[in-house]
């Protein structure tokens, strides 16, 4: 097993940008992304439906703004984007990180289990993307980065709902990119394989996680900040000619 590289220094890749990260509370990819964006010079706005964890994360990062939001509720989404516009003067980057995991065999899966995953992971990304584009397109500038998953491409037992939602995020990314391109707005996605953090074990049992690690070429899972680095790249001007792309952040082999 190889060890993760040293944590990177910032290089002002997002200097002066206002970046909104959804589902940014806690210890996962969202928080890591918010932290890396701040280290790259961005004014970071955090959002999450868990208000206590959101406040703790905002305090830890010294975030410019923290706005509770449940992405399954359109009124919450509108309030979030209106608040960001009012308090910051304009949104430059949206990172759609909100998603919900779970494990259930398809034959035993209930409508409620299916709908819960789809509504947060796919519909929530749609709602936030729509709200962002309505503000970015008239301005002729902006970037959206969606968090997809390799399960949008690869099958895994017990993950039909999550895989379908993430495949939908990929398709949404590509279609939104085409619609936004004439205005100079870019939409891309990352597709992580396995980024380990404490909340992941709530969705996938430990035996499965241990087995998934064995599929990784480096013999380890990604650190959340390693995924965040690719999100920062896609949010920055270094990816100025990329839109409609889904970038695999993976060392997974068949």
C-alpha atoms as a PDB file:
ATOM      1  CA  UNK A   1       0.000   0.000   0.000  1.00  0.00           C
ATOM      2  CA  UNK A   2       1.345   3.415  -0.919  1.00  0.00           C
ATOM      3  CA  UNK A   3       1.004   6.369   1.440  1.00  0.00           C
ATOM      4  CA  UNK A   4      -0.869   9.544   0.498  1.00  0.00           C
ATOM      5  CA  UNK A   5       1.345  12.405  -0.701  1.00  0.00           C
ATOM      6  CA  UNK A   6       1.981  15.449   1.437  1.00  0.00           C
ATOM      7  CA  UNK A   7      -0.913  17.838   1.804  1.00  0.00           C
ATOM      8  CA  UNK A   8      -0.584  20.504  -0.931  1.00  0.00           C
ATOM      9  CA  UNK A   9       0.087  24.169  -0.442  1.00  0.00           C
ATOM     10  CA  UNK A  10      -2.288  26.723  -1.915  1.00  0.00           C
ATOM     11  CA  UNK A  11      -1.417  28.509  -5.162  1.00  0.00           C
ATOM     12  CA  UNK A  12      -4.165  31.171  -5.277  1.00  0.00           C
ATOM     13  CA  UNK A  13      -6.038  29.215  -7.965  1.00  0.00           C
ATOM     14  CA  UNK A  14      -9.382  30.632  -6.783  1.00  0.00           C
ATOM     15  CA  UNK A  15      -8.206  33.999  -5.567  1.00  0.00           C
ATOM     16  CA  UNK A  16     -11.115  36.434  -5.282  1.00  0.00           C
ATOM     17  CA  UNK A  17     -13.767  33.857  -6.241  1.00  0.00           C
ATOM     18  CA  UNK A  18     -16.930  33.162  -4.266  1.00  0.00           C
ATOM     19  CA  UNK A  19     -17.458  29.407  -3.982  1.00  0.00           C
ATOM     20  CA  UNK A  20     -20.567  27.680  -2.614  1.00  0.00           C
ATOM     21  CA  UNK A  21     -20.190  24.058  -1.471  1.00  0.00           C
ATOM     22  CA  UNK A  22     -23.302  22.041  -0.603  1.00  0.00           C
ATOM     23  CA  UNK A  23     -23.253  19.297   2.049  1.00  0.00           C
ATOM     24  CA  UNK A  24     -20.016  20.799   3.357  1.00  0.00           C
ATOM     25  CA  UNK A  25     -20.392  19.937   7.034  1.00  0.00           C
ATOM     26  CA  UNK A  26     -18.536  17.035   8.602  1.00  0.00           C
ATOM     27  CA  UNK A  27     -15.453  15.190   7.417  1.00  0.00           C
ATOM     28  CA  UNK A  28     -16.167  14.163   3.838  1.00  0.00           C
ATOM     29  CA  UNK A  29     -15.426  15.459   0.355  1.00  0.00           C
ATOM     30  CA  UNK A  30     -17.600  18.559   0.836  1.00  0.00           C
ATOM     31  CA  UNK A  31     -15.681  19.829   3.856  1.00  0.00           C
ATOM     32  CA  UNK A  32     -12.347  18.932   2.262  1.00  0.00           C
ATOM     33  CA  UNK A  33     -13.375  20.852  -0.860  1.00  0.00           C
ATOM     34  CA  UNK A  34     -14.408  23.907   1.119  1.00  0.00           C
ATOM     35  CA  UNK A  35     -11.096  23.828   2.963  1.00  0.00           C
ATOM     36  CA  UNK A  36      -9.035  23.497  -0.224  1.00  0.00           C
ATOM     37  CA  UNK A  37     -11.007  26.297  -1.895  1.00  0.00           C
ATOM     38  CA  UNK A  38     -10.335  28.575   1.062  1.00  0.00           C
ATOM     39  CA  UNK A  39      -6.646  27.670   0.904  1.00  0.00           C
ATOM     40  CA  UNK A  40      -6.698  28.615  -2.780  1.00  0.00           C
ATOM     41  CA  UNK A  41      -7.951  32.099  -1.955  1.00  0.00           C
ATOM     42  CA  UNK A  42     -11.710  31.707  -2.379  1.00  0.00           C
ATOM     43  CA  UNK A  43     -14.394  33.276  -0.264  1.00  0.00           C
ATOM     44  CA  UNK A  44     -16.201  30.113   0.775  1.00  0.00           C
ATOM     45  CA  UNK A  45     -19.896  29.721   1.495  1.00  0.00           C
ATOM     46  CA  UNK A  46     -20.959  26.504   3.206  1.00  0.00           C
ATOM     47  CA  UNK A  47     -24.352  24.852   3.086  1.00  0.00           C
ATOM     48  CA  UNK A  48     -25.729  21.720   4.714  1.00  0.00           C
ATOM     49  CA  UNK A  49     -29.015  20.512   6.146  1.00  0.00           C
ATOM     50  CA  UNK A  50     -27.357  19.604   9.482  1.00  0.00           C
ATOM     51  CA  UNK A  51     -27.296  23.008  11.189  1.00  0.00           C
ATOM     52  CA  UNK A  52     -25.117  22.117  14.183  1.00  0.00           C
ATOM     53  CA  UNK A  53     -22.428  20.436  12.083  1.00  0.00           C
ATOM     54  CA  UNK A  54     -22.671  23.285   9.580  1.00  0.00           C
ATOM     55  CA  UNK A  55     -21.985  25.872  12.274  1.00  0.00           C
ATOM     56  CA  UNK A  56     -19.042  23.842  13.588  1.00  0.00           C
ATOM     57  CA  UNK A  57     -17.566  23.477  10.088  1.00  0.00           C
ATOM     58  CA  UNK A  58     -18.006  27.181   9.350  1.00  0.00           C
ATOM     59  CA  UNK A  59     -16.239  28.093  12.592  1.00  0.00           C
ATOM     60  CA  UNK A  60     -13.377  25.733  11.809  1.00  0.00           C
ATOM     61  CA  UNK A  61     -12.887  27.153   8.320  1.00  0.00           C
ATOM     62  CA  UNK A  62     -13.703  30.763   9.087  1.00  0.00           C
ATOM     63  CA  UNK A  63     -16.178  30.617   6.219  1.00  0.00           C
ATOM     64  CA  UNK A  64     -17.605  33.851   4.864  1.00  0.00           C
ATOM     65  CA  UNK A  65     -21.159  32.543   5.177  1.00  0.00           C
ATOM     66  CA  UNK A  66     -23.000  29.400   6.270  1.00  0.00           C
ATOM     67  CA  UNK A  67     -26.581  28.804   5.121  1.00  0.00           C
ATOM     68  CA  UNK A  68     -28.657  25.764   6.156  1.00  0.00           C
ATOM     69  CA  UNK A  69     -30.345  24.128   3.172  1.00  0.00           C
ATOM     70  CA  UNK A  70     -32.169  20.892   2.418  1.00  0.00           C
ATOM     71  CA  UNK A  71     -31.633  20.391  -1.319  1.00  0.00           C
ATOM     72  CA  UNK A  72     -34.847  18.329  -1.551  1.00  0.00           C
ATOM     73  CA  UNK A  73     -36.836  21.506  -0.830  1.00  0.00           C
ATOM     74  CA  UNK A  74     -37.063  24.110  -3.589  1.00  0.00           C
ATOM     75  CA  UNK A  75     -37.823  26.913  -1.114  1.00  0.00           C
ATOM     76  CA  UNK A  76     -34.608  26.100   0.766  1.00  0.00           C
ATOM     77  CA  UNK A  77     -32.604  26.122  -2.459  1.00  0.00           C
ATOM     78  CA  UNK A  78     -34.011  29.481  -3.530  1.00  0.00           C
ATOM     79  CA  UNK A  79     -33.306  30.973  -0.111  1.00  0.00           C
ATOM     80  CA  UNK A  80     -29.746  29.644  -0.258  1.00  0.00           C
ATOM     81  CA  UNK A  81     -28.941  31.195  -3.624  1.00  0.00           C
ATOM     82  CA  UNK A  82     -30.744  34.446  -2.846  1.00  0.00           C
ATOM     83  CA  UNK A  83     -28.736  34.732   0.384  1.00  0.00           C
ATOM     84  CA  UNK A  84     -25.448  34.060  -1.382  1.00  0.00           C
ATOM     85  CA  UNK A  85     -26.222  36.688  -4.030  1.00  0.00           C
ATOM     86  CA  UNK A  86     -27.285  39.253  -1.453  1.00  0.00           C
ATOM     87  CA  UNK A  87     -24.409  38.706   0.970  1.00  0.00           C
ATOM     88  CA  UNK A  88     -21.524  38.165  -1.466  1.00  0.00           C
ATOM     89  CA  UNK A  89     -22.572  40.108  -4.553  1.00  0.00           C
ATOM     90  CA  UNK A  90     -22.438  37.115  -6.882  1.00  0.00           C
ATOM     91  CA  UNK A  91     -21.578  33.443  -7.069  1.00  0.00           C
ATOM     92  CA  UNK A  92     -18.573  32.359  -9.135  1.00  0.00           C
ATOM     93  CA  UNK A  93     -18.428  28.622  -8.415  1.00  0.00           C
ATOM     94  CA  UNK A  94     -21.002  26.071  -7.257  1.00  0.00           C
ATOM     95  CA  UNK A  95     -19.848  22.673  -6.015  1.00  0.00           C
ATOM     96  CA  UNK A  96     -22.809  20.278  -5.935  1.00  0.00           C
ATOM     97  CA  UNK A  97     -21.660  17.816  -3.306  1.00  0.00           C
ATOM     98  CA  UNK A  98     -24.958  16.920  -1.634  1.00  0.00           C
ATOM     99  CA  UNK A  99     -25.718  13.230  -1.956  1.00  0.00           C
ATOM    100  CA  UNK A 100     -27.209  10.371   0.002  1.00  0.00           C
ATOM    101  CA  UNK A 101     -25.912   6.807   0.124  1.00  0.00           C
ATOM    102  CA  UNK A 102     -27.311   3.499   1.249  1.00  0.00           C
ATOM    103  CA  UNK A 103     -27.228  -0.213   0.541  1.00  0.00           C
ATOM    104  CA  UNK A 104     -30.261  -2.283  -0.448  1.00  0.00           C
ATOM    105  CA  UNK A 105     -30.845  -5.262  -2.712  1.00  0.00           C
ATOM    106  CA  UNK A 106     -33.027  -4.251  -5.622  1.00  0.00           C
ATOM    107  CA  UNK A 107     -35.693  -6.910  -4.974  1.00  0.00           C
ATOM    108  CA  UNK A 108     -36.071  -5.746  -1.363  1.00  0.00           C
ATOM    109  CA  UNK A 109     -35.709  -2.014  -2.082  1.00  0.00           C
ATOM    110  CA  UNK A 110     -38.754   0.082  -1.185  1.00  0.00           C
ATOM    111  CA  UNK A 111     -40.057   3.023  -3.170  1.00  0.00           C
ATOM    112  CA  UNK A 112     -39.119   5.198  -0.210  1.00  0.00           C
ATOM    113  CA  UNK A 113     -35.489   4.003  -0.236  1.00  0.00           C
ATOM    114  CA  UNK A 114     -35.231   4.584  -3.986  1.00  0.00           C
ATOM    115  CA  UNK A 115     -36.854   8.010  -3.839  1.00  0.00           C
ATOM    116  CA  UNK A 116     -34.755   9.224  -0.899  1.00  0.00           C
ATOM    117  CA  UNK A 117     -31.485   8.579  -2.766  1.00  0.00           C
ATOM    118  CA  UNK A 118     -32.755  10.016  -6.052  1.00  0.00           C
ATOM    119  CA  UNK A 119     -34.235  13.135  -4.460  1.00  0.00           C
ATOM    120  CA  UNK A 120     -31.063  14.191  -2.645  1.00  0.00           C
ATOM    121  CA  UNK A 121     -28.408  12.975  -5.063  1.00  0.00           C
ATOM    122  CA  UNK A 122     -29.956  13.680  -8.467  1.00  0.00           C
ATOM    123  CA  UNK A 123     -32.901  16.007  -7.902  1.00  0.00           C
ATOM    124  CA  UNK A 124     -30.930  18.094  -5.421  1.00  0.00           C
ATOM    125  CA  UNK A 125     -28.129  18.526  -7.943  1.00  0.00           C
ATOM    126  CA  UNK A 126     -30.718  19.526 -10.544  1.00  0.00           C
ATOM    127  CA  UNK A 127     -32.332  22.107  -8.263  1.00  0.00           C
ATOM    128  CA  UNK A 128     -29.026  23.728  -7.321  1.00  0.00           C
ATOM    129  CA  UNK A 129     -27.709  23.625 -10.893  1.00  0.00           C
ATOM    130  CA  UNK A 130     -30.876  25.292 -12.157  1.00  0.00           C
ATOM    131  CA  UNK A 131     -30.658  28.004  -9.495  1.00  0.00           C
ATOM    132  CA  UNK A 132     -26.988  28.646 -10.256  1.00  0.00           C
ATOM    133  CA  UNK A 133     -27.465  28.790 -14.031  1.00  0.00           C
ATOM    134  CA  UNK A 134     -30.310  31.285 -13.677  1.00  0.00           C
ATOM    135  CA  UNK A 135     -27.781  33.604 -12.055  1.00  0.00           C
ATOM    136  CA  UNK A 136     -24.586  32.717 -13.930  1.00  0.00           C
ATOM    137  CA  UNK A 137     -25.889  32.671 -17.510  1.00  0.00           C
ATOM    138  CA  UNK A 138     -27.163  36.291 -17.503  1.00  0.00           C
ATOM    139  CA  UNK A 139     -23.785  37.373 -16.091  1.00  0.00           C
ATOM    140  CA  UNK A 140     -21.901  35.367 -18.713  1.00  0.00           C
ATOM    141  CA  UNK A 141     -19.587  33.748 -16.191  1.00  0.00           C
ATOM    142  CA  UNK A 142     -19.516  30.931 -13.678  1.00  0.00           C
ATOM    143  CA  UNK A 143     -18.467  27.359 -12.998  1.00  0.00           C
ATOM    144  CA  UNK A 144     -20.395  24.362 -11.648  1.00  0.00           C
ATOM    145  CA  UNK A 145     -18.669  21.186 -10.457  1.00  0.00           C
ATOM    146  CA  UNK A 146     -20.824  18.167  -9.626  1.00  0.00           C
ATOM    147  CA  UNK A 147     -19.813  15.221  -7.457  1.00  0.00           C
ATOM    148  CA  UNK A 148     -20.697  12.010  -9.306  1.00  0.00           C
ATOM    149  CA  UNK A 149     -19.235   8.526  -8.698  1.00  0.00           C
ATOM    150  CA  UNK A 150     -17.584   5.687 -10.564  1.00  0.00           C
ATOM    151  CA  UNK A 151     -20.804   3.803  -9.804  1.00  0.00           C
ATOM    152  CA  UNK A 152     -22.345   5.871 -12.562  1.00  0.00           C
ATOM    153  CA  UNK A 153     -20.221   3.657 -14.838  1.00  0.00           C
ATOM    154  CA  UNK A 154     -19.609   0.482 -12.825  1.00  0.00           C
ATOM    155  CA  UNK A 155     -22.053  -1.914 -11.211  1.00  0.00           C
ATOM    156  CA  UNK A 156     -22.001  -2.745  -7.508  1.00  0.00           C
ATOM    157  CA  UNK A 157     -24.360  -5.027  -5.600  1.00  0.00           C
ATOM    158  CA  UNK A 158     -26.820  -3.150  -3.397  1.00  0.00           C
ATOM    159  CA  UNK A 159     -26.208   0.198  -5.079  1.00  0.00           C
ATOM    160  CA  UNK A 160     -28.852   0.342  -7.826  1.00  0.00           C
ATOM    161  CA  UNK A 161     -30.469   3.510  -6.460  1.00  0.00           C
ATOM    162  CA  UNK A 162     -27.183   5.320  -5.817  1.00  0.00           C
ATOM    163  CA  UNK A 163     -25.654   4.225  -9.131  1.00  0.00           C
ATOM    164  CA  UNK A 164     -28.738   5.350 -11.042  1.00  0.00           C
ATOM    165  CA  UNK A 165     -28.655   8.722  -9.291  1.00  0.00           C
ATOM    166  CA  UNK A 166     -24.963   9.257 -10.013  1.00  0.00           C
ATOM    167  CA  UNK A 167     -25.367   8.215 -13.653  1.00  0.00           C
ATOM    168  CA  UNK A 168     -28.112  10.816 -13.786  1.00  0.00           C
ATOM    169  CA  UNK A 169     -25.732  13.423 -12.360  1.00  0.00           C
ATOM    170  CA  UNK A 170     -23.282  12.612 -15.160  1.00  0.00           C
ATOM    171  CA  UNK A 171     -25.961  13.032 -17.837  1.00  0.00           C
ATOM    172  CA  UNK A 172     -27.223  16.219 -16.201  1.00  0.00           C
ATOM    173  CA  UNK A 173     -23.665  17.569 -16.217  1.00  0.00           C
ATOM    174  CA  UNK A 174     -23.231  16.990 -19.940  1.00  0.00           C
ATOM    175  CA  UNK A 175     -26.610  18.477 -20.913  1.00  0.00           C
ATOM    176  CA  UNK A 176     -26.256  21.497 -18.626  1.00  0.00           C
ATOM    177  CA  UNK A 177     -22.787  22.137 -20.051  1.00  0.00           C
ATOM    178  CA  UNK A 178     -24.130  22.368 -23.601  1.00  0.00           C
ATOM    179  CA  UNK A 179     -26.905  24.744 -22.591  1.00  0.00           C
ATOM    180  CA  UNK A 180     -24.568  26.977 -20.570  1.00  0.00           C
ATOM    181  CA  UNK A 181     -21.610  27.046 -22.974  1.00  0.00           C
ATOM    182  CA  UNK A 182     -22.864  29.934 -25.167  1.00  0.00           C
ATOM    183  CA  UNK A 183     -22.814  32.123 -22.050  1.00  0.00           C
ATOM    184  CA  UNK A 184     -19.288  31.060 -21.123  1.00  0.00           C
ATOM    185  CA  UNK A 185     -20.458  29.058 -18.100  1.00  0.00           C
ATOM    186  CA  UNK A 186     -18.743  25.708 -17.547  1.00  0.00           C
ATOM    187  CA  UNK A 187     -20.225  22.550 -15.971  1.00  0.00           C
ATOM    188  CA  UNK A 188     -18.083  19.513 -15.153  1.00  0.00           C
ATOM    189  CA  UNK A 189     -18.091  16.637 -12.678  1.00  0.00           C
ATOM    190  CA  UNK A 190     -15.719  14.481 -10.689  1.00  0.00           C
ATOM    191  CA  UNK A 191     -16.269  10.743 -10.374  1.00  0.00           C
ATOM    192  CA  UNK A 192     -14.503   9.370  -7.276  1.00  0.00           C
ATOM    193  CA  UNK A 193     -14.086   5.671  -6.662  1.00  0.00           C
ATOM    194  CA  UNK A 194     -13.455   5.420  -2.921  1.00  0.00           C
ATOM    195  CA  UNK A 195     -12.688   8.353  -0.626  1.00  0.00           C
ATOM    196  CA  UNK A 196     -12.764   7.126   2.959  1.00  0.00           C
ATOM    197  CA  UNK A 197     -14.334   9.197   5.731  1.00  0.00           C
ATOM    198  CA  UNK A 198     -16.325   8.313   8.877  1.00  0.00           C
ATOM    199  CA  UNK A 199     -19.782   8.884   7.391  1.00  0.00           C
ATOM    200  CA  UNK A 200     -19.144   6.400   4.572  1.00  0.00           C
ATOM    201  CA  UNK A 201     -19.468   3.477   6.962  1.00  0.00           C
ATOM    202  CA  UNK A 202     -23.074   4.526   7.624  1.00  0.00           C
ATOM    203  CA  UNK A 203     -23.951   3.759   4.006  1.00  0.00           C
ATOM    204  CA  UNK A 204     -21.673   0.771   3.272  1.00  0.00           C
ATOM    205  CA  UNK A 205     -20.690  -2.010   5.673  1.00  0.00           C
ATOM    206  CA  UNK A 206     -17.051  -2.344   6.689  1.00  0.00           C
ATOM    207  CA  UNK A 207     -16.487  -5.706   4.967  1.00  0.00           C
ATOM    208  CA  UNK A 208     -17.562  -4.201   1.643  1.00  0.00           C
ATOM    209  CA  UNK A 209     -15.366  -1.138   2.190  1.00  0.00           C
ATOM    210  CA  UNK A 210     -12.378  -3.370   2.967  1.00  0.00           C
ATOM    211  CA  UNK A 211     -13.011  -5.350  -0.226  1.00  0.00           C
ATOM    212  CA  UNK A 212     -13.329  -2.190  -2.301  1.00  0.00           C
ATOM    213  CA  UNK A 213      -9.948  -0.991  -1.060  1.00  0.00           C
ATOM    214  CA  UNK A 214      -8.347  -4.123  -2.530  1.00  0.00           C
ATOM    215  CA  UNK A 215      -9.500  -3.009  -5.996  1.00  0.00           C
ATOM    216  CA  UNK A 216      -7.551   0.235  -5.776  1.00  0.00           C
ATOM    217  CA  UNK A 217      -4.201   0.207  -7.575  1.00  0.00           C
ATOM    218  CA  UNK A 218      -2.522   2.136  -4.744  1.00  0.00           C
ATOM    219  CA  UNK A 219      -3.874  -0.310  -2.159  1.00  0.00           C
ATOM    220  CA  UNK A 220      -5.661   2.463  -0.289  1.00  0.00           C
ATOM    221  CA  UNK A 221      -8.684   4.694  -0.587  1.00  0.00           C
ATOM    222  CA  UNK A 222      -8.353   8.321  -1.606  1.00  0.00           C
ATOM    223  CA  UNK A 223      -8.071  11.007   1.012  1.00  0.00           C
ATOM    224  CA  UNK A 224     -11.071  13.367   0.666  1.00  0.00           C
ATOM    225  CA  UNK A 225      -8.684  16.228  -0.092  1.00  0.00           C
ATOM    226  CA  UNK A 226      -7.281  14.304  -3.064  1.00  0.00           C
ATOM    227  CA  UNK A 227     -10.739  14.414  -4.628  1.00  0.00           C
ATOM    228  CA  UNK A 228     -11.069  18.050  -3.563  1.00  0.00           C
ATOM    229  CA  UNK A 229      -7.880  18.889  -5.468  1.00  0.00           C
ATOM    230  CA  UNK A 230      -9.516  17.809  -8.735  1.00  0.00           C
ATOM    231  CA  UNK A 231     -12.636  19.801  -7.883  1.00  0.00           C
ATOM    232  CA  UNK A 232     -10.419  22.861  -7.318  1.00  0.00           C
ATOM    233  CA  UNK A 233      -8.798  22.276 -10.717  1.00  0.00           C
ATOM    234  CA  UNK A 234     -12.187  22.116 -12.440  1.00  0.00           C
ATOM    235  CA  UNK A 235     -13.339  25.235 -10.577  1.00  0.00           C
ATOM    236  CA  UNK A 236     -10.240  27.175 -11.585  1.00  0.00           C
ATOM    237  CA  UNK A 237      -9.170  28.830 -14.814  1.00  0.00           C
ATOM    238  CA  UNK A 238      -6.692  26.003 -15.367  1.00  0.00           C
ATOM    239  CA  UNK A 239      -9.611  24.001 -16.796  1.00  0.00           C
ATOM    240  CA  UNK A 240     -10.980  26.885 -18.873  1.00  0.00           C
ATOM    241  CA  UNK A 241     -11.489  24.755 -22.018  1.00  0.00           C
ATOM    242  CA  UNK A 242     -13.227  21.887 -20.203  1.00  0.00           C
ATOM    243  CA  UNK A 243     -16.998  21.593 -20.016  1.00  0.00           C
ATOM    244  CA  UNK A 244     -19.384  18.641 -19.993  1.00  0.00           C
ATOM    245  CA  UNK A 245     -16.587  16.378 -18.750  1.00  0.00           C
ATOM    246  CA  UNK A 246     -16.753  13.735 -16.029  1.00  0.00           C
ATOM    247  CA  UNK A 247     -13.278  13.269 -14.567  1.00  0.00           C
ATOM    248  CA  UNK A 248     -12.590   9.953 -12.867  1.00  0.00           C
ATOM    249  CA  UNK A 249     -10.726  10.388  -9.578  1.00  0.00           C
ATOM    250  CA  UNK A 250      -9.813   6.777  -9.155  1.00  0.00           C
ATOM    251  CA  UNK A 251      -7.037   4.228  -9.014  1.00  0.00           C
ATOM    252  CA  UNK A 252      -9.551   1.411  -9.334  1.00  0.00           C
ATOM    253  CA  UNK A 253      -8.761  -1.535 -11.581  1.00  0.00           C
ATOM    254  CA  UNK A 254     -11.175  -4.243 -12.757  1.00  0.00           C
END
